[in-house]
Amino acid sequence: MSITEIVLSDDEMKALQALADARNASVSEIVKEAIKPLLHPQRKTITQEQKANAKAVAGTFRSGVNDLASNHDKYFAEAIEGK
């Protein structure tokens, strides 16, 4: 692992520290997370907010089908065949 030094304005450092505190992470972790898309643009980085949003809507919609869990393959096949 390498160590590097960067120069930030006081406002930038305060904002990074506030973000790190809000995420219960270190400033180093926040910076590493921020540069991943630059180094690996083809990879999509999912943020904690996106994960929380996905969890919040899970289970809020109803299909009206009582056996969906046991027959999901059947229903999926019918859906893609246009039935």
N, C-alpha and C. Protein backbone atom coordinates (compact mmCIF):
# COMPACT_ATOMS: atom_id res chain seq x y z
N MET A 1 0.84 -1.17 0.00
CA MET A 1 0.00 0.00 0.00
C MET A 1 0.89 1.23 0.00
N SER A 2 0.47 2.24 -0.74
CA SER A 2 1.23 3.48 -0.82
C SER A 2 0.54 4.57 -0.02
N ILE A 3 1.33 5.51 0.41
CA ILE A 3 0.81 6.67 1.12
C ILE A 3 1.11 7.89 0.28
N THR A 4 0.11 8.78 0.17
CA THR A 4 0.31 10.01 -0.59
C THR A 4 -0.22 11.18 0.21
N GLU A 5 0.21 12.36 -0.15
CA GLU A 5 -0.22 13.56 0.54
C GLU A 5 -0.92 14.45 -0.47
N ILE A 6 -2.07 14.99 -0.09
CA ILE A 6 -2.77 15.95 -0.95
C ILE A 6 -3.04 17.22 -0.15
N VAL A 7 -3.20 18.31 -0.86
CA VAL A 7 -3.46 19.59 -0.22
C VAL A 7 -4.91 19.95 -0.50
N LEU A 8 -5.66 20.19 0.57
CA LEU A 8 -7.07 20.56 0.47
C LEU A 8 -7.28 21.89 1.16
N SER A 9 -8.29 22.61 0.71
CA SER A 9 -8.65 23.84 1.41
C SER A 9 -9.29 23.45 2.74
N ASP A 10 -9.38 24.41 3.64
CA ASP A 10 -10.02 24.14 4.94
C ASP A 10 -11.47 23.70 4.74
N ASP A 11 -12.17 24.36 3.81
CA ASP A 11 -13.57 24.00 3.54
C ASP A 11 -13.70 22.59 2.98
N GLU A 12 -12.79 22.21 2.09
CA GLU A 12 -12.82 20.85 1.53
C GLU A 12 -12.58 19.81 2.62
N MET A 13 -11.63 20.08 3.49
CA MET A 13 -11.33 19.13 4.57
C MET A 13 -12.49 19.03 5.54
N LYS A 14 -13.12 20.15 5.87
CA LYS A 14 -14.28 20.13 6.76
C LYS A 14 -15.42 19.33 6.14
N ALA A 15 -15.64 19.53 4.84
CA ALA A 15 -16.71 18.81 4.15
C ALA A 15 -16.41 17.31 4.10
N LEU A 16 -15.17 16.95 3.83
CA LEU A 16 -14.78 15.53 3.82
C LEU A 16 -14.94 14.91 5.19
N GLN A 17 -14.53 15.63 6.22
CA GLN A 17 -14.64 15.11 7.58
C GLN A 17 -16.10 14.94 7.97
N ALA A 18 -16.95 15.89 7.58
CA ALA A 18 -18.38 15.80 7.89
C ALA A 18 -18.99 14.59 7.18
N LEU A 19 -18.61 14.38 5.93
CA LEU A 19 -19.11 13.23 5.19
C LEU A 19 -18.64 11.93 5.83
N ALA A 20 -17.37 11.89 6.21
CA ALA A 20 -16.83 10.70 6.87
C ALA A 20 -17.55 10.43 8.18
N ASP A 21 -17.79 11.46 8.95
CA ASP A 21 -18.51 11.30 10.21
C ASP A 21 -19.92 10.77 9.98
N ALA A 22 -20.60 11.33 8.98
CA ALA A 22 -21.96 10.91 8.68
C ALA A 22 -22.03 9.45 8.24
N ARG A 23 -20.99 8.98 7.60
CA ARG A 23 -20.95 7.59 7.12
C ARG A 23 -20.23 6.66 8.08
N ASN A 24 -19.81 7.21 9.21
CA ASN A 24 -19.05 6.43 10.19
C ASN A 24 -17.83 5.78 9.54
N ALA A 25 -17.10 6.60 8.79
CA ALA A 25 -15.92 6.14 8.05
C ALA A 25 -14.79 7.13 8.26
N SER A 26 -13.64 6.77 7.76
CA SER A 26 -12.50 7.69 7.83
C SER A 26 -12.45 8.54 6.56
N VAL A 27 -11.74 9.65 6.64
CA VAL A 27 -11.56 10.49 5.45
C VAL A 27 -10.85 9.68 4.37
N SER A 28 -9.91 8.86 4.76
CA SER A 28 -9.20 8.02 3.81
C SER A 28 -10.16 7.10 3.05
N GLU A 29 -11.11 6.50 3.76
CA GLU A 29 -12.09 5.62 3.11
C GLU A 29 -12.95 6.40 2.13
N ILE A 30 -13.33 7.62 2.49
CA ILE A 30 -14.15 8.46 1.62
C ILE A 30 -13.38 8.81 0.34
N VAL A 31 -12.13 9.17 0.49
CA VAL A 31 -11.30 9.51 -0.68
C VAL A 31 -11.12 8.29 -1.58
N LYS A 32 -10.84 7.13 -1.00
CA LYS A 32 -10.67 5.91 -1.79
C LYS A 32 -11.95 5.59 -2.55
N GLU A 33 -13.10 5.74 -1.89
CA GLU A 33 -14.39 5.48 -2.55
C GLU A 33 -14.60 6.46 -3.71
N ALA A 34 -14.20 7.70 -3.50
CA ALA A 34 -14.41 8.73 -4.52
C ALA A 34 -13.55 8.52 -5.77
N ILE A 35 -12.36 7.96 -5.61
CA ILE A 35 -11.49 7.80 -6.79
C ILE A 35 -11.73 6.50 -7.55
N LYS A 36 -12.45 5.55 -6.98
CA LYS A 36 -12.71 4.29 -7.68
C LYS A 36 -13.32 4.49 -9.06
N PRO A 37 -14.35 5.34 -9.22
CA PRO A 37 -14.92 5.52 -10.56
C PRO A 37 -13.93 6.10 -11.57
N LEU A 38 -12.97 6.88 -11.09
CA LEU A 38 -11.95 7.43 -11.99
C LEU A 38 -10.99 6.35 -12.48
N LEU A 39 -10.68 5.42 -11.59
CA LEU A 39 -9.73 4.36 -11.92
C LEU A 39 -10.37 3.20 -12.65
N HIS A 40 -11.64 2.97 -12.38
CA HIS A 40 -12.39 1.86 -12.98
C HIS A 40 -13.73 2.37 -13.50
N PRO A 41 -13.72 3.14 -14.59
CA PRO A 41 -14.97 3.77 -15.05
C PRO A 41 -16.04 2.78 -15.47
N GLN A 42 -15.67 1.57 -15.85
CA GLN A 42 -16.67 0.59 -16.27
C GLN A 42 -17.42 -0.02 -15.08
N ARG A 43 -16.86 0.07 -13.90
CA ARG A 43 -17.50 -0.46 -12.71
C ARG A 43 -18.43 0.57 -12.12
N LYS A 44 -19.61 0.14 -11.78
CA LYS A 44 -20.56 1.02 -11.12
C LYS A 44 -20.38 0.89 -9.62
N THR A 45 -20.19 2.00 -8.95
CA THR A 45 -20.06 1.99 -7.50
C THR A 45 -21.43 2.31 -6.91
N ILE A 46 -21.90 1.44 -6.05
CA ILE A 46 -23.19 1.64 -5.41
C ILE A 46 -22.94 2.35 -4.08
N THR A 47 -23.59 3.47 -3.91
CA THR A 47 -23.39 4.25 -2.69
C THR A 47 -24.25 3.67 -1.55
N GLN A 48 -23.91 4.06 -0.35
CA GLN A 48 -24.68 3.64 0.82
C GLN A 48 -26.12 4.16 0.71
N GLU A 49 -26.27 5.36 0.15
CA GLU A 49 -27.61 5.93 -0.02
C GLU A 49 -28.43 5.09 -1.00
N GLN A 50 -27.80 4.64 -2.09
CA GLN A 50 -28.51 3.81 -3.06
C GLN A 50 -28.92 2.48 -2.42
N LYS A 51 -28.03 1.90 -1.62
CA LYS A 51 -28.37 0.66 -0.93
C LYS A 51 -29.55 0.86 0.02
N ALA A 52 -29.51 1.97 0.76
CA ALA A 52 -30.59 2.27 1.70
C ALA A 52 -31.91 2.48 0.96
N ASN A 53 -31.86 3.17 -0.18
CA ASN A 53 -33.08 3.40 -0.96
C ASN A 53 -33.65 2.08 -1.47
N ALA A 54 -32.79 1.18 -1.93
CA ALA A 54 -33.26 -0.12 -2.41
C ALA A 54 -33.90 -0.93 -1.29
N LYS A 55 -33.28 -0.91 -0.12
CA LYS A 55 -33.84 -1.63 1.03
C LYS A 55 -35.17 -1.04 1.46
N ALA A 56 -35.30 0.28 1.33
CA ALA A 56 -36.52 0.96 1.78
C ALA A 56 -37.73 0.56 0.94
N VAL A 57 -37.53 0.27 -0.34
CA VAL A 57 -38.68 -0.08 -1.19
C VAL A 57 -38.91 -1.58 -1.26
N ALA A 58 -37.97 -2.36 -0.79
CA ALA A 58 -38.13 -3.82 -0.83
C ALA A 58 -39.36 -4.23 -0.05
N GLY A 59 -40.21 -5.00 -0.70
CA GLY A 59 -41.40 -5.52 -0.04
C GLY A 59 -42.58 -4.57 -0.01
N THR A 60 -42.45 -3.40 -0.62
CA THR A 60 -43.56 -2.44 -0.58
C THR A 60 -44.56 -2.62 -1.71
N PHE A 61 -44.22 -3.44 -2.69
CA PHE A 61 -45.13 -3.66 -3.81
C PHE A 61 -45.67 -5.09 -3.75
N ARG A 62 -46.89 -5.27 -4.19
CA ARG A 62 -47.52 -6.58 -4.17
C ARG A 62 -47.87 -7.00 -5.58
N SER A 63 -47.61 -8.24 -5.92
CA SER A 63 -47.89 -8.75 -7.25
C SER A 63 -49.33 -9.24 -7.37
N GLY A 64 -49.94 -9.58 -6.24
CA GLY A 64 -51.27 -10.15 -6.27
C GLY A 64 -51.26 -11.64 -6.56
N VAL A 65 -50.08 -12.21 -6.70
CA VAL A 65 -49.94 -13.64 -6.96
C VAL A 65 -49.44 -14.30 -5.68
N ASN A 66 -50.21 -15.26 -5.18
CA ASN A 66 -49.86 -15.87 -3.89
C ASN A 66 -48.73 -16.89 -3.96
N ASP A 67 -48.48 -17.46 -5.15
CA ASP A 67 -47.45 -18.49 -5.27
C ASP A 67 -46.24 -18.01 -6.06
N LEU A 68 -45.99 -16.72 -6.06
CA LEU A 68 -44.90 -16.16 -6.86
C LEU A 68 -43.54 -16.72 -6.45
N ALA A 69 -43.30 -16.88 -5.17
CA ALA A 69 -42.01 -17.37 -4.72
C ALA A 69 -41.73 -18.78 -5.23
N SER A 70 -42.73 -19.63 -5.22
CA SER A 70 -42.51 -21.02 -5.63
C SER A 70 -42.61 -21.21 -7.15
N ASN A 71 -43.29 -20.31 -7.85
CA ASN A 71 -43.46 -20.45 -9.30
C ASN A 71 -42.89 -19.28 -10.09
N HIS A 72 -41.88 -18.62 -9.54
CA HIS A 72 -41.34 -17.44 -10.21
C HIS A 72 -40.79 -17.73 -11.60
N ASP A 73 -40.18 -18.91 -11.81
CA ASP A 73 -39.65 -19.25 -13.13
C ASP A 73 -40.79 -19.33 -14.16
N LYS A 74 -41.89 -19.92 -13.77
CA LYS A 74 -43.04 -20.05 -14.66
C LYS A 74 -43.57 -18.66 -15.04
N TYR A 75 -43.75 -17.79 -14.03
CA TYR A 75 -44.27 -16.46 -14.30
C TYR A 75 -43.29 -15.63 -15.13
N PHE A 76 -42.01 -15.79 -14.88
CA PHE A 76 -41.00 -15.07 -15.65
C PHE A 76 -41.05 -15.51 -17.11
N ALA A 77 -41.10 -16.82 -17.35
CA ALA A 77 -41.18 -17.33 -18.72
C ALA A 77 -42.42 -16.80 -19.44
N GLU A 78 -43.54 -16.78 -18.75
CA GLU A 78 -44.77 -16.25 -19.34
C GLU A 78 -44.63 -14.76 -19.67
N ALA A 79 -43.95 -14.03 -18.80
CA ALA A 79 -43.79 -12.60 -19.01
C ALA A 79 -42.93 -12.30 -20.22
N ILE A 80 -41.84 -13.05 -20.40
CA ILE A 80 -40.98 -12.77 -21.54
C ILE A 80 -41.54 -13.32 -22.85
N GLU A 81 -42.44 -14.28 -22.76
CA GLU A 81 -43.11 -14.80 -23.95
C GLU A 81 -44.31 -13.95 -24.32
N GLY A 82 -44.69 -13.03 -23.45
CA GLY A 82 -45.79 -12.13 -23.74
C GLY A 82 -47.15 -12.70 -23.43
N LYS A 83 -47.25 -13.68 -22.58
CA LYS A 83 -48.54 -14.29 -22.24
C LYS A 83 -49.23 -13.50 -21.16
